[in-house]
């Protein structure tokens, strides 16, 4: 079952918000990791059509 692009973008936005929280709490490695996940999901969204 393929996810809709909107779902990928929704998850990417959630991961980016999580990265912001990690950054505010000086959890830099996790902030970078969450940014990485957000980018992957945002790029995967248009490809899941």
PDB file of N, CA and C in Angstrom:
ATOM      1  N   UNK A   1       0.847  -1.182   0.000  1.00  0.00           N
ATOM      2  CA  UNK A   1       0.000   0.000   0.000  1.00  0.00           C
ATOM      3  C   UNK A   1       0.890   1.243   0.000  1.00  0.00           C
ATOM      4  N   UNK A   2       0.663   2.114  -0.961  1.00  0.00           N
ATOM      5  CA  UNK A   2       1.465   3.324  -1.085  1.00  0.00           C
ATOM      6  C   UNK A   2       0.790   4.478  -0.355  1.00  0.00           C
ATOM      7  N   UNK A   3       1.584   5.229   0.370  1.00  0.00           N
ATOM      8  CA  UNK A   3       1.037   6.392   1.068  1.00  0.00           C
ATOM      9  C   UNK A   3       0.808   7.513   0.078  1.00  0.00           C
ATOM     10  N   UNK A   4      -0.163   8.352   0.365  1.00  0.00           N
ATOM     11  CA  UNK A   4      -0.430   9.516  -0.459  1.00  0.00           C
ATOM     12  C   UNK A   4       0.635  10.581  -0.191  1.00  0.00           C
ATOM     13  N   UNK A   5       0.902  11.438  -1.174  1.00  0.00           N
ATOM     14  CA  UNK A   5       1.908  12.493  -0.972  1.00  0.00           C
ATOM     15  C   UNK A   5       1.617  13.361   0.252  1.00  0.00           C
ATOM     16  N   UNK A   6       0.340  13.643   0.497  1.00  0.00           N
ATOM     17  CA  UNK A   6      -0.021  14.486   1.638  1.00  0.00           C
ATOM     18  C   UNK A   6       0.433  13.869   2.961  1.00  0.00           C
ATOM     19  N   UNK A   7       0.354  12.550   3.046  1.00  0.00           N
ATOM     20  CA  UNK A   7       0.777  11.862   4.271  1.00  0.00           C
ATOM     21  C   UNK A   7       2.287  11.987   4.469  1.00  0.00           C
ATOM     22  N   UNK A   8       3.042  11.867   3.380  1.00  0.00           N
ATOM     23  CA  UNK A   8       4.495  12.029   3.480  1.00  0.00           C
ATOM     24  C   UNK A   8       4.842  13.449   3.934  1.00  0.00           C
ATOM     25  N   UNK A   9       4.152  14.448   3.361  1.00  0.00           N
ATOM     26  CA  UNK A   9       4.422  15.841   3.731  1.00  0.00           C
ATOM     27  C   UNK A   9       4.024  16.116   5.181  1.00  0.00           C
ATOM     28  N   UNK A  10       2.932  15.498   5.615  1.00  0.00           N
ATOM     29  CA  UNK A  10       2.490  15.652   7.008  1.00  0.00           C
ATOM     30  C   UNK A  10       3.545  15.084   7.968  1.00  0.00           C
ATOM     31  N   UNK A  11       4.060  13.904   7.630  1.00  0.00           N
ATOM     32  CA  UNK A  11       5.084  13.297   8.471  1.00  0.00           C
ATOM     33  C   UNK A  11       6.385  14.105   8.434  1.00  0.00           C
ATOM     34  N   UNK A  12       6.717  14.662   7.280  1.00  0.00           N
ATOM     35  CA  UNK A  12       7.919  15.484   7.167  1.00  0.00           C
ATOM     36  C   UNK A  12       7.803  16.724   8.053  1.00  0.00           C
ATOM     37  N   UNK A  13       6.639  17.346   8.049  1.00  0.00           N
ATOM     38  CA  UNK A  13       6.423  18.532   8.888  1.00  0.00           C
ATOM     39  C   UNK A  13       6.530  18.170  10.373  1.00  0.00           C
ATOM     40  N   UNK A  14       5.999  17.022  10.742  1.00  0.00           N
ATOM     41  CA  UNK A  14       6.081  16.559  12.130  1.00  0.00           C
ATOM     42  C   UNK A  14       7.542  16.337  12.531  1.00  0.00           C
ATOM     43  N   UNK A  15       8.311  15.707  11.661  1.00  0.00           N
ATOM     44  CA  UNK A  15       9.721  15.459  11.946  1.00  0.00           C
ATOM     45  C   UNK A  15      10.502  16.762  12.053  1.00  0.00           C
ATOM     46  N   UNK A  16      10.161  17.726  11.217  1.00  0.00           N
ATOM     47  CA  UNK A  16      10.846  19.018  11.277  1.00  0.00           C
ATOM     48  C   UNK A  16      10.541  19.738  12.585  1.00  0.00           C
ATOM     49  N   UNK A  17       9.302  19.673  13.037  1.00  0.00           N
ATOM     50  CA  UNK A  17       8.942  20.277  14.323  1.00  0.00           C
ATOM     51  C   UNK A  17       9.688  19.569  15.460  1.00  0.00           C
ATOM     52  N   UNK A  18       9.805  18.257  15.367  1.00  0.00           N
ATOM     53  CA  UNK A  18      10.566  17.506  16.362  1.00  0.00           C
ATOM     54  C   UNK A  18      12.023  17.957  16.360  1.00  0.00           C
ATOM     55  N   UNK A  19      12.580  18.201  15.178  1.00  0.00           N
ATOM     56  CA  UNK A  19      13.958  18.687  15.070  1.00  0.00           C
ATOM     57  C   UNK A  19      14.114  20.042  15.752  1.00  0.00           C
ATOM     58  N   UNK A  20      13.124  20.908  15.600  1.00  0.00           N
ATOM     59  CA  UNK A  20      13.178  22.218  16.258  1.00  0.00           C
ATOM     60  C   UNK A  20      13.217  22.069  17.779  1.00  0.00           C
ATOM     61  N   UNK A  21      12.407  21.155  18.294  1.00  0.00           N
ATOM     62  CA  UNK A  21      12.392  20.923  19.746  1.00  0.00           C
ATOM     63  C   UNK A  21      13.738  20.366  20.208  1.00  0.00           C
ATOM     64  N   UNK A  22      14.280  19.437  19.456  1.00  0.00           N
ATOM     65  CA  UNK A  22      15.594  18.878  19.796  1.00  0.00           C
ATOM     66  C   UNK A  22      16.667  19.965  19.777  1.00  0.00           C
ATOM     67  N   UNK A  23      16.610  20.843  18.808  1.00  0.00           N
ATOM     68  CA  UNK A  23      17.584  21.927  18.715  1.00  0.00           C
ATOM     69  C   UNK A  23      17.474  22.872  19.910  1.00  0.00           C
ATOM     70  N   UNK A  24      16.252  23.215  20.279  1.00  0.00           N
ATOM     71  CA  UNK A  24      16.038  24.094  21.440  1.00  0.00           C
ATOM     72  C   UNK A  24      16.607  23.476  22.710  1.00  0.00           C
ATOM     73  N   UNK A  25      16.589  22.145  22.789  1.00  0.00           N
ATOM     74  CA  UNK A  25      17.083  21.435  23.972  1.00  0.00           C
ATOM     75  C   UNK A  25      18.528  20.982  23.826  1.00  0.00           C
ATOM     76  N   UNK A  26      19.203  21.526  22.803  1.00  0.00           N
ATOM     77  CA  UNK A  26      20.621  21.251  22.556  1.00  0.00           C
ATOM     78  C   UNK A  26      20.910  19.764  22.326  1.00  0.00           C
ATOM     79  N   UNK A  27      19.967  19.099  21.708  1.00  0.00           N
ATOM     80  CA  UNK A  27      20.146  17.686  21.329  1.00  0.00           C
ATOM     81  C   UNK A  27      20.491  17.678  19.842  1.00  0.00           C
ATOM     82  N   UNK A  28      21.695  18.156  19.531  1.00  0.00           N
ATOM     83  CA  UNK A  28      22.082  18.471  18.162  1.00  0.00           C
ATOM     84  C   UNK A  28      22.101  17.267  17.223  1.00  0.00           C
ATOM     85  N   UNK A  29      22.624  16.158  17.684  1.00  0.00           N
ATOM     86  CA  UNK A  29      22.681  14.973  16.819  1.00  0.00           C
ATOM     87  C   UNK A  29      21.278  14.529  16.426  1.00  0.00           C
ATOM     88  N   UNK A  30      20.349  14.548  17.389  1.00  0.00           N
ATOM     89  CA  UNK A  30      18.975  14.142  17.096  1.00  0.00           C
ATOM     90  C   UNK A  30      18.278  15.170  16.217  1.00  0.00           C
ATOM     91  N   UNK A  31      18.603  16.442  16.393  1.00  0.00           N
ATOM     92  CA  UNK A  31      18.026  17.488  15.541  1.00  0.00           C
ATOM     93  C   UNK A  31      18.437  17.271  14.086  1.00  0.00           C
ATOM     94  N   UNK A  32      19.710  16.986  13.876  1.00  0.00           N
ATOM     95  CA  UNK A  32      20.192  16.735  12.512  1.00  0.00           C
ATOM     96  C   UNK A  32      19.533  15.484  11.936  1.00  0.00           C
ATOM     97  N   UNK A  33      19.416  14.447  12.733  1.00  0.00           N
ATOM     98  CA  UNK A  33      18.798  13.210  12.270  1.00  0.00           C
ATOM     99  C   UNK A  33      17.346  13.436  11.870  1.00  0.00           C
ATOM    100  N   UNK A  34      16.609  14.193  12.675  1.00  0.00           N
ATOM    101  CA  UNK A  34      15.207  14.464  12.357  1.00  0.00           C
ATOM    102  C   UNK A  34      15.089  15.312  11.097  1.00  0.00           C
ATOM    103  N   UNK A  35      16.017  16.232  10.889  1.00  0.00           N
ATOM    104  CA  UNK A  35      16.025  17.015   9.645  1.00  0.00           C
ATOM    105  C   UNK A  35      16.246  16.089   8.453  1.00  0.00           C
ATOM    106  N   UNK A  36      17.147  15.150   8.618  1.00  0.00           N
ATOM    107  CA  UNK A  36      17.417  14.176   7.560  1.00  0.00           C
ATOM    108  C   UNK A  36      16.148  13.396   7.211  1.00  0.00           C
ATOM    109  N   UNK A  37      15.448  12.924   8.224  1.00  0.00           N
ATOM    110  CA  UNK A  37      14.208  12.186   7.984  1.00  0.00           C
ATOM    111  C   UNK A  37      13.169  13.064   7.296  1.00  0.00           C
ATOM    112  N   UNK A  38      13.062  14.313   7.734  1.00  0.00           N
ATOM    113  CA  UNK A  38      12.086  15.226   7.132  1.00  0.00           C
ATOM    114  C   UNK A  38      12.377  15.444   5.653  1.00  0.00           C
ATOM    115  N   UNK A  39      13.642  15.610   5.313  1.00  0.00           N
ATOM    116  CA  UNK A  39      14.017  15.809   3.913  1.00  0.00           C
ATOM    117  C   UNK A  39      13.684  14.565   3.089  1.00  0.00           C
ATOM    118  N   UNK A  40      14.011  13.394   3.610  1.00  0.00           N
ATOM    119  CA  UNK A  40      13.704  12.148   2.890  1.00  0.00           C
ATOM    120  C   UNK A  40      12.211  12.028   2.613  1.00  0.00           C
ATOM    121  N   UNK A  41      11.405  12.297   3.615  1.00  0.00           N
ATOM    122  CA  UNK A  41       9.955  12.152   3.461  1.00  0.00           C
ATOM    123  C   UNK A  41       9.388  13.208   2.526  1.00  0.00           C
ATOM    124  N   UNK A  42       9.902  14.424   2.605  1.00  0.00           N
ATOM    125  CA  UNK A  42       9.429  15.487   1.713  1.00  0.00           C
ATOM    126  C   UNK A  42       9.768  15.167   0.261  1.00  0.00           C
ATOM    127  N   UNK A  43      10.911  14.558   0.031  1.00  0.00           N
ATOM    128  CA  UNK A  43      11.291  14.180  -1.331  1.00  0.00           C
ATOM    129  C   UNK A  43      10.521  12.949  -1.808  1.00  0.00           C
ATOM    130  N   UNK A  44      10.176  12.088  -0.894  1.00  0.00           N
ATOM    131  CA  UNK A  44       9.453  10.868  -1.265  1.00  0.00           C
ATOM    132  C   UNK A  44       7.993  11.155  -1.610  1.00  0.00           C
ATOM    133  N   UNK A  45       7.447  12.200  -1.023  1.00  0.00           N
ATOM    134  CA  UNK A  45       6.045  12.551  -1.259  1.00  0.00           C
ATOM    135  C   UNK A  45       5.654  12.630  -2.710  1.00  0.00           C
ATOM    136  N   UNK A  46       6.325  13.472  -3.507  1.00  0.00           N
ATOM    137  CA  UNK A  46       5.947  13.583  -4.919  1.00  0.00           C
ATOM    138  C   UNK A  46       6.173  12.292  -5.712  1.00  0.00           C
ATOM    139  N   UNK A  47       7.051  11.440  -5.247  1.00  0.00           N
ATOM    140  CA  UNK A  47       7.351  10.198  -5.971  1.00  0.00           C
ATOM    141  C   UNK A  47       6.337   9.092  -5.679  1.00  0.00           C
ATOM    142  N   UNK A  48       5.477   9.300  -4.700  1.00  0.00           N
ATOM    143  CA  UNK A  48       4.553   8.239  -4.304  1.00  0.00           C
ATOM    144  C   UNK A  48       3.219   8.326  -5.034  1.00  0.00           C
ATOM    145  N   UNK A  49       3.153   9.114  -6.051  1.00  0.00           N
ATOM    146  CA  UNK A  49       1.906   9.279  -6.814  1.00  0.00           C
ATOM    147  C   UNK A  49       1.659   8.053  -7.670  1.00  0.00           C
TER     148      UNK A  49
END
